[in-house]
């Protein structure tokens, strides 16, 4: 399948002040596993439904390859059934009166494929999804994970070039979610289908996607590979939304925390434009190293075991910092601990929440007002 291109796409609903999706520009490449990630109400499901043709645009254009499927300016609209897409809902939407085999066969019957070809396709997809033994069962006789596989099999049987998944794993327990994540990764590698996956679960996005698009308030915040989103967030929202335990944020306006710390860091970082310092829990070290920046002596408040790792709560003035480690802590609550951080692990955010490069700060050009498009200042 060709790329999916969204150009200045917006969606507003009558009676609502803010746009559900606001001037979205996004390209989803052929064969990509794209996760639309963000909190509830950020516009990710609305975006998916516009790609599917279940929602009309308020403005902008959507094209699949060179074919425009929805455009406000030219009054073009291709109905959902003619877009070559497969959609799996959160509720699975299986026919309760049909067996697993008939559910999977349903789309092929609508396309009037010969019986022999239908049987071959259904058997093949049931084998690949490991549900062949459930062929004669009805949906009510299946577990949530099995129903999920049937819903996926029904879509894959008709071989859509693009598969749209709207939070399909949210109804599963933790063990089944983990199993289905692995299953979806395997299916993507095997079928090479373009997948657009909506989720609010950052771990789902990080473990499944080849590319993540982070949204908030109807606007696209950042697009990139999972490692880029985690390691190089463009703004404070992305930095705080991605990561568990969450990133530590130290306000330089908080005198009890900033006093002394700013002095220790000023020789290492350009703090003049910084309002907040971000530091991921795993970037805190209890051992000095050549590239380490001293944070000072922090008080250990508590230790929280998570099974295989420990989270240490540290106090810096009246700020609380969290340190994640896979080594059993030798210190005890109440101890003062000398802490350090890798220079590259310290993020600086301005008062507007935009992150800027800590290695090369460039002045804005005359054509670009100060503070505009700070993403251009970030390292590649």
Protein backbone atom coordinates (compact mmCIF):
# COMPACT_ATOMS: atom_id res chain seq x y z
CA UNK A 1 0.00 0.00 0.00
CA UNK A 2 1.15 3.60 -0.58
CA UNK A 3 1.74 6.17 2.14
CA UNK A 4 -1.09 7.80 4.08
CA UNK A 5 -0.75 11.60 4.09
CA UNK A 6 -2.72 13.97 6.31
CA UNK A 7 -2.37 17.62 5.29
CA UNK A 8 -3.65 20.41 7.58
CA UNK A 9 -6.37 18.08 8.85
CA UNK A 10 -8.77 19.56 11.39
CA UNK A 11 -11.94 18.32 13.02
CA UNK A 12 -14.35 20.40 15.08
CA UNK A 13 -17.66 19.45 16.63
CA UNK A 14 -20.60 21.82 17.02
CA UNK A 15 -20.88 23.14 20.56
CA UNK A 16 -17.23 22.51 21.41
CA UNK A 17 -14.88 25.47 21.60
CA UNK A 18 -11.61 23.72 20.83
CA UNK A 19 -10.92 21.59 17.76
CA UNK A 20 -10.68 17.85 18.43
CA UNK A 21 -7.87 17.77 15.85
CA UNK A 22 -6.10 20.97 14.91
CA UNK A 23 -4.07 21.41 11.70
CA UNK A 24 -2.55 17.92 11.76
CA UNK A 25 0.22 17.16 9.25
CA UNK A 26 1.36 13.54 9.34
CA UNK A 27 2.72 10.95 6.90
CA UNK A 28 2.40 7.22 7.63
CA UNK A 29 4.80 5.27 5.42
CA UNK A 30 3.99 2.02 3.64
CA UNK A 31 4.63 -0.94 5.96
CA UNK A 32 5.01 1.25 9.03
CA UNK A 33 3.63 0.40 12.48
CA UNK A 34 2.49 3.85 13.59
CA UNK A 35 1.15 4.43 17.11
CA UNK A 36 -0.99 7.48 17.77
CA UNK A 37 -0.23 8.08 21.45
CA UNK A 38 -1.65 10.54 23.93
CA UNK A 39 -4.03 11.07 26.85
CA UNK A 40 -7.81 10.78 26.59
CA UNK A 41 -9.29 13.55 24.48
CA UNK A 42 -6.07 14.33 22.59
CA UNK A 43 -7.60 13.57 19.16
CA UNK A 44 -5.96 10.23 18.37
CA UNK A 45 -9.18 8.22 17.91
CA UNK A 46 -10.75 11.06 15.92
CA UNK A 47 -7.69 10.99 13.64
CA UNK A 48 -8.05 7.23 13.15
CA UNK A 49 -11.75 7.58 12.36
CA UNK A 50 -11.03 10.29 9.78
CA UNK A 51 -8.48 8.02 8.07
CA UNK A 52 -11.11 5.25 8.09
CA UNK A 53 -13.77 7.56 6.66
CA UNK A 54 -16.03 7.33 9.71
CA UNK A 55 -15.61 11.06 10.40
CA UNK A 56 -15.73 13.89 7.86
CA UNK A 57 -12.99 16.50 7.94
CA UNK A 58 -13.70 20.06 8.98
CA UNK A 59 -10.65 21.17 7.02
CA UNK A 60 -7.65 19.72 5.21
CA UNK A 61 -7.03 16.64 3.11
CA UNK A 62 -6.26 12.93 3.49
CA UNK A 63 -4.61 10.99 0.68
CA UNK A 64 -3.69 7.32 0.37
CA UNK A 65 -0.86 7.31 -2.10
CA UNK A 66 -1.82 9.58 -4.99
CA UNK A 67 -5.53 9.09 -4.33
CA UNK A 68 -7.28 11.78 -2.30
CA UNK A 69 -9.91 10.08 -0.14
CA UNK A 70 -11.14 13.13 1.76
CA UNK A 71 -10.71 16.81 0.93
CA UNK A 72 -12.74 19.78 2.11
CA UNK A 73 -11.45 22.14 -0.59
CA UNK A 74 -12.47 19.84 -3.48
CA UNK A 75 -15.50 18.25 -1.75
CA UNK A 76 -13.98 14.79 -2.24
CA UNK A 77 -15.06 11.90 -0.04
CA UNK A 78 -14.38 8.21 -0.64
CA UNK A 79 -16.60 6.00 1.58
CA UNK A 80 -14.95 3.68 4.12
CA UNK A 81 -15.66 0.45 2.23
CA UNK A 82 -13.78 1.75 -0.84
CA UNK A 83 -10.59 2.81 0.95
CA UNK A 84 -9.03 -0.66 1.23
CA UNK A 85 -8.75 -0.43 5.02
CA UNK A 86 -9.39 -2.86 7.84
CA UNK A 87 -10.64 -1.55 11.21
CA UNK A 88 -10.56 -3.42 14.54
CA UNK A 89 -12.58 -1.79 17.30
CA UNK A 90 -11.95 -1.90 21.03
CA UNK A 91 -15.13 -4.00 21.42
CA UNK A 92 -14.05 -6.49 18.64
CA UNK A 93 -17.60 -6.38 17.12
CA UNK A 94 -17.81 -10.12 16.37
CA UNK A 95 -21.07 -11.64 15.13
CA UNK A 96 -22.37 -13.55 18.20
CA UNK A 97 -24.49 -16.00 16.14
CA UNK A 98 -21.57 -17.04 13.89
CA UNK A 99 -18.77 -19.46 14.63
CA UNK A 100 -15.16 -18.32 14.58
CA UNK A 101 -14.75 -19.70 11.09
CA UNK A 102 -17.84 -17.92 9.78
CA UNK A 103 -16.79 -14.64 11.43
CA UNK A 104 -13.44 -14.79 9.66
CA UNK A 105 -15.12 -15.87 6.42
CA UNK A 106 -17.67 -13.03 6.53
CA UNK A 107 -15.68 -10.39 4.63
CA UNK A 108 -14.60 -12.88 1.99
CA UNK A 109 -18.22 -13.88 1.35
CA UNK A 110 -19.13 -10.23 0.83
CA UNK A 111 -16.42 -10.08 -1.82
CA UNK A 112 -17.93 -13.18 -3.46
CA UNK A 113 -14.69 -15.18 -3.49
CA UNK A 114 -14.95 -18.82 -4.62
CA UNK A 115 -15.45 -21.30 -1.77
CA UNK A 116 -12.10 -23.04 -2.24
CA UNK A 117 -10.23 -19.73 -2.11
CA UNK A 118 -12.19 -18.64 0.95
CA UNK A 119 -11.39 -21.84 2.82
CA UNK A 120 -7.70 -21.56 1.97
CA UNK A 121 -7.49 -17.96 3.22
CA UNK A 122 -9.45 -18.67 6.41
CA UNK A 123 -7.39 -21.75 7.26
CA UNK A 124 -4.16 -19.89 6.60
CA UNK A 125 -4.98 -16.94 8.83
CA UNK A 126 -6.35 -19.19 11.60
CA UNK A 127 -3.10 -21.16 11.58
CA UNK A 128 -0.99 -18.02 11.75
CA UNK A 129 -3.03 -16.64 14.64
CA UNK A 130 -3.18 -20.04 16.38
CA UNK A 131 -6.97 -20.18 16.58
CA UNK A 132 -7.57 -23.20 14.32
CA UNK A 133 -8.80 -25.26 17.29
CA UNK A 134 -11.56 -22.71 17.96
CA UNK A 135 -13.02 -22.72 14.44
CA UNK A 136 -16.38 -24.20 15.48
CA UNK A 137 -16.80 -22.16 18.67
CA UNK A 138 -18.94 -19.06 19.09
CA UNK A 139 -17.57 -15.73 20.41
CA UNK A 140 -19.26 -16.22 23.80
CA UNK A 141 -17.22 -19.39 24.25
CA UNK A 142 -13.90 -17.57 23.81
CA UNK A 143 -11.66 -15.65 26.18
CA UNK A 144 -10.92 -11.96 25.58
CA UNK A 145 -7.55 -12.77 24.02
CA UNK A 146 -9.10 -15.37 21.71
CA UNK A 147 -11.81 -12.91 20.62
CA UNK A 148 -9.08 -10.37 19.90
CA UNK A 149 -7.33 -12.85 17.62
CA UNK A 150 -10.57 -13.62 15.79
CA UNK A 151 -11.19 -9.90 15.20
CA UNK A 152 -7.67 -9.55 13.81
CA UNK A 153 -8.06 -12.70 11.71
CA UNK A 154 -11.28 -11.37 10.17
CA UNK A 155 -9.43 -8.26 9.02
CA UNK A 156 -6.28 -10.05 7.86
CA UNK A 157 -8.30 -12.58 5.84
CA UNK A 158 -9.44 -9.87 3.44
CA UNK A 159 -5.79 -8.71 3.27
CA UNK A 160 -6.27 -4.96 3.69
CA UNK A 161 -3.24 -2.88 2.83
CA UNK A 162 -3.83 -0.79 5.96
CA UNK A 163 -5.01 -2.04 9.34
CA UNK A 164 -6.48 0.47 11.82
CA UNK A 165 -6.59 -0.60 15.48
CA UNK A 166 -8.49 1.49 18.04
CA UNK A 167 -7.16 0.54 21.51
CA UNK A 168 -7.79 -3.16 20.79
CA UNK A 169 -5.93 -4.45 23.87
CA UNK A 170 -7.54 -2.27 26.53
CA UNK A 171 -10.10 -4.93 27.53
CA UNK A 172 -7.46 -7.60 28.22
CA UNK A 173 -5.74 -8.45 31.49
CA UNK A 174 -2.01 -7.76 31.92
CA UNK A 175 -0.82 -11.24 30.87
CA UNK A 176 -2.97 -11.29 27.72
CA UNK A 177 -1.94 -7.75 26.82
CA UNK A 178 1.71 -8.80 26.92
CA UNK A 179 0.95 -11.88 24.81
CA UNK A 180 -1.01 -9.88 22.24
CA UNK A 181 1.70 -7.23 21.96
CA UNK A 182 4.13 -9.96 20.98
CA UNK A 183 1.50 -11.37 18.58
CA UNK A 184 0.97 -8.00 16.90
CA UNK A 185 4.73 -7.52 16.47
CA UNK A 186 4.98 -10.97 14.88
CA UNK A 187 2.01 -10.30 12.59
CA UNK A 188 3.44 -6.98 11.44
CA UNK A 189 6.78 -8.58 10.62
CA UNK A 190 5.07 -11.45 8.78
CA UNK A 191 2.35 -9.61 6.84
CA UNK A 192 4.15 -6.23 6.46
CA UNK A 193 0.76 -4.56 6.68
CA UNK A 194 0.69 -0.83 7.42
CA UNK A 195 -0.73 -0.55 10.93
CA UNK A 196 -2.11 2.56 12.62
CA UNK A 197 -2.60 1.79 16.31
CA UNK A 198 -4.34 4.11 18.77
CA UNK A 199 -3.36 3.84 22.43
CA UNK A 200 -2.97 5.90 25.59
CA UNK A 201 -0.55 3.28 27.00
CA UNK A 202 3.03 4.46 26.53
CA UNK A 203 4.46 0.96 27.03
CA UNK A 204 2.23 -0.40 24.28
CA UNK A 205 3.50 2.30 21.95
CA UNK A 206 7.15 1.88 22.95
CA UNK A 207 7.12 -1.91 22.54
CA UNK A 208 5.00 -2.14 19.37
CA UNK A 209 5.63 0.83 17.13
CA UNK A 210 8.27 1.54 14.56
CA UNK A 211 7.11 5.17 14.75
CA UNK A 212 5.19 7.06 17.44
CA UNK A 213 3.13 10.21 16.93
CA UNK A 214 2.48 11.92 20.28
CA UNK A 215 -0.63 14.09 20.43
CA UNK A 216 -2.06 16.46 23.03
CA UNK A 217 -5.01 18.81 22.88
CA UNK A 218 -5.67 17.96 19.23
CA UNK A 219 -2.15 18.92 18.18
CA UNK A 220 0.77 16.80 17.09
CA UNK A 221 3.66 17.18 19.55
CA UNK A 222 6.38 14.93 18.12
CA UNK A 223 6.89 12.12 15.61
CA UNK A 224 9.79 9.69 15.76
CA UNK A 225 11.13 6.26 16.59
CA UNK A 226 10.44 5.09 20.17
CA UNK A 227 14.06 5.69 21.25
CA UNK A 228 14.00 9.21 19.81
CA UNK A 229 10.73 10.06 21.55
CA UNK A 230 12.12 8.83 24.87
CA UNK A 231 15.68 10.18 24.59
CA UNK A 232 15.02 13.42 22.71
CA UNK A 233 11.59 14.79 23.71
CA UNK A 234 10.90 18.13 22.03
CA UNK A 235 8.94 19.58 24.92
CA UNK A 236 7.97 19.08 28.54
CA UNK A 237 4.67 17.34 27.72
CA UNK A 238 6.36 14.58 25.73
CA UNK A 239 9.10 14.19 28.35
CA UNK A 240 6.56 13.80 31.18
CA UNK A 241 4.11 11.61 29.24
CA UNK A 242 6.76 9.05 28.22
CA UNK A 243 8.59 7.13 30.92
CA UNK A 244 7.82 5.06 34.00
CA UNK A 245 8.81 6.12 36.61
CA UNK A 246 8.17 9.57 35.15
CA UNK A 247 10.94 12.03 34.45
CA UNK A 248 12.11 14.20 37.36
CA UNK A 249 11.40 17.90 36.86
CA UNK A 250 13.33 20.42 38.96
CA UNK A 251 12.01 23.98 38.81
CA UNK A 252 14.75 26.61 38.91
CA UNK A 253 12.18 28.94 40.46
CA UNK A 254 11.96 26.60 43.45
CA UNK A 255 14.57 28.27 45.66
CA UNK A 256 14.89 25.38 48.12
CA UNK A 257 15.73 22.96 45.30
CA UNK A 258 17.59 25.28 42.95
CA UNK A 259 19.83 26.91 45.53
CA UNK A 260 23.23 25.29 45.25
CA UNK A 261 22.14 23.03 42.39
CA UNK A 262 22.21 25.86 39.84
CA UNK A 263 25.69 26.76 40.99
CA UNK A 264 26.91 23.20 40.57
CA UNK A 265 25.35 22.88 37.12
CA UNK A 266 26.15 26.33 35.73
CA UNK A 267 29.66 25.26 34.73
CA UNK A 268 28.24 22.35 32.76
CA UNK A 269 24.97 23.65 31.28
CA UNK A 270 23.68 26.93 29.75
CA UNK A 271 21.06 27.70 32.41
CA UNK A 272 20.33 31.31 31.40
CA UNK A 273 17.18 30.44 29.39
CA UNK A 274 16.15 27.43 31.48
CA UNK A 275 13.10 27.38 33.73
CA UNK A 276 13.05 23.64 34.44
CA UNK A 277 15.65 20.86 34.46
CA UNK A 278 14.49 17.36 33.48
CA UNK A 279 16.27 14.20 34.59
CA UNK A 280 15.12 10.64 33.98
CA UNK A 281 15.29 8.33 37.04
CA UNK A 282 17.81 5.95 35.43
CA UNK A 283 20.14 8.87 34.64
CA UNK A 284 20.78 9.52 38.34
CA UNK A 285 23.93 7.76 39.49
CA UNK A 286 25.30 7.14 42.97
CA UNK A 287 28.83 6.80 41.61
CA UNK A 288 30.95 9.57 40.12
CA UNK A 289 32.17 9.15 36.54
CA UNK A 290 34.12 11.31 34.06
CA UNK A 291 30.96 12.65 32.39
CA UNK A 292 29.02 13.02 35.65
CA UNK A 293 27.58 16.29 36.90
CA UNK A 294 27.27 16.53 40.72
CA UNK A 295 23.74 16.97 42.05
CA UNK A 296 24.91 17.16 45.66
CA UNK A 297 23.98 15.22 48.78
CA UNK A 298 20.34 14.09 48.63
CA UNK A 299 18.37 12.55 51.47
CA UNK A 300 16.98 9.05 50.85
CA UNK A 301 13.30 9.16 51.82
CA UNK A 302 12.10 5.68 50.84
CA UNK A 303 12.89 2.57 48.82
CA UNK A 304 10.18 0.92 46.69
CA UNK A 305 10.92 -2.59 45.36
CA UNK A 306 9.18 -3.42 42.08
CA UNK A 307 10.49 -6.95 41.56
CA UNK A 308 13.88 -7.04 39.88
CA UNK A 309 14.42 -3.31 40.34
CA UNK A 310 14.15 -0.66 43.03
CA UNK A 311 12.90 2.92 42.99
CA UNK A 312 14.59 5.26 45.44
CA UNK A 313 12.79 8.45 46.50
CA UNK A 314 15.28 11.26 47.12
CA UNK A 315 14.69 14.79 48.40
CA UNK A 316 16.29 17.92 47.00
CA UNK A 317 14.98 20.77 49.09
CA UNK A 318 11.23 20.29 48.92
CA UNK A 319 11.44 18.58 45.52
CA UNK A 320 11.18 14.79 45.23
CA UNK A 321 13.41 12.95 42.76
CA UNK A 322 13.17 9.29 41.84
CA UNK A 323 16.13 7.07 41.00
CA UNK A 324 15.61 3.67 39.32
CA UNK A 325 18.21 0.96 39.79
CA UNK A 326 18.56 -2.78 39.18
CA UNK A 327 21.02 -3.13 42.09
CA UNK A 328 19.71 -3.67 45.61
CA UNK A 329 20.32 -0.40 47.50
CA UNK A 330 22.79 -0.54 50.38
CA UNK A 331 21.61 2.77 51.85
CA UNK A 332 18.64 3.10 54.19
CA UNK A 333 15.93 5.77 54.48
CA UNK A 334 17.33 8.83 56.23
CA UNK A 335 20.83 8.47 54.75
CA UNK A 336 22.43 11.33 52.82
CA UNK A 337 23.65 10.13 49.43
CA UNK A 338 25.99 11.85 46.97
CA UNK A 339 24.23 11.81 43.60
CA UNK A 340 25.40 12.53 40.08
CA UNK A 341 23.87 12.72 36.61
CA UNK A 342 25.21 12.28 33.10
CA UNK A 343 25.45 15.64 31.39
CA UNK A 344 23.68 14.23 28.31
CA UNK A 345 20.87 13.00 30.58
CA UNK A 346 19.96 16.51 31.77
CA UNK A 347 17.23 18.24 29.74
CA UNK A 348 16.58 21.97 29.84
CA UNK A 349 13.12 23.43 29.24
CA UNK A 350 12.24 27.08 28.83
CA UNK A 351 9.28 28.80 30.46
CA UNK A 352 7.01 27.73 27.56
CA UNK A 353 7.93 24.06 28.10
CA UNK A 354 10.09 23.72 24.97
CA UNK A 355 13.34 21.79 25.28
CA UNK A 356 16.52 23.27 23.86
CA UNK A 357 19.89 21.78 23.04
CA UNK A 358 22.34 21.87 25.92
CA UNK A 359 25.39 21.51 23.68
CA UNK A 360 24.81 24.17 21.03
CA UNK A 361 22.43 27.06 21.65
CA UNK A 362 21.90 29.05 18.45
CA UNK A 363 20.34 32.49 18.38
CA UNK A 364 17.12 32.80 16.34
CA UNK A 365 17.54 34.26 12.86
CA UNK A 366 16.06 37.62 12.01
CA UNK A 367 13.24 35.88 10.12
CA UNK A 368 12.41 33.73 13.14
CA UNK A 369 11.11 35.43 16.30
CA UNK A 370 12.70 34.44 19.58
CA UNK A 371 11.21 31.25 20.98
CA UNK A 372 9.73 30.17 17.63
CA UNK A 373 10.13 26.57 16.50
CA UNK A 374 12.51 25.54 19.27
CA UNK A 375 12.46 22.00 17.85
CA UNK A 376 15.00 23.21 15.30
CA UNK A 377 17.45 23.68 18.16
CA UNK A 378 17.36 20.04 19.21
CA UNK A 379 20.11 17.58 18.30
CA UNK A 380 19.43 15.31 15.33
